[in-house]
């Protein structure tokens, strides 16, 4: 199972407790999370299902490569961290 964590600053906008879900791609893992938390889907994904610009996803500590289809492969016991991107200077 993959462990999925959402940073604390996201919790102000949508409740996303850490969870363990099955999936072999980032898309499958996030779909499993959103199956039990449908409100979060609209916060993280746009109408086409791609990551919104203000969201970053890290797979085992590295940024995912495919922000559109979320096809990055996920190994058993991987960790996914989802965070809100910060901008400014």
Foldseek 3Di string as FASTA:
>chain_A
DEWEEEDPVCCVPANQHIDDDDDFFQLRRVVVSCVVVVVVQVVQAPPQRFGDPQKFKAKQRHTDDDRRPRGHTHDPHIYMYMYTHDDDD
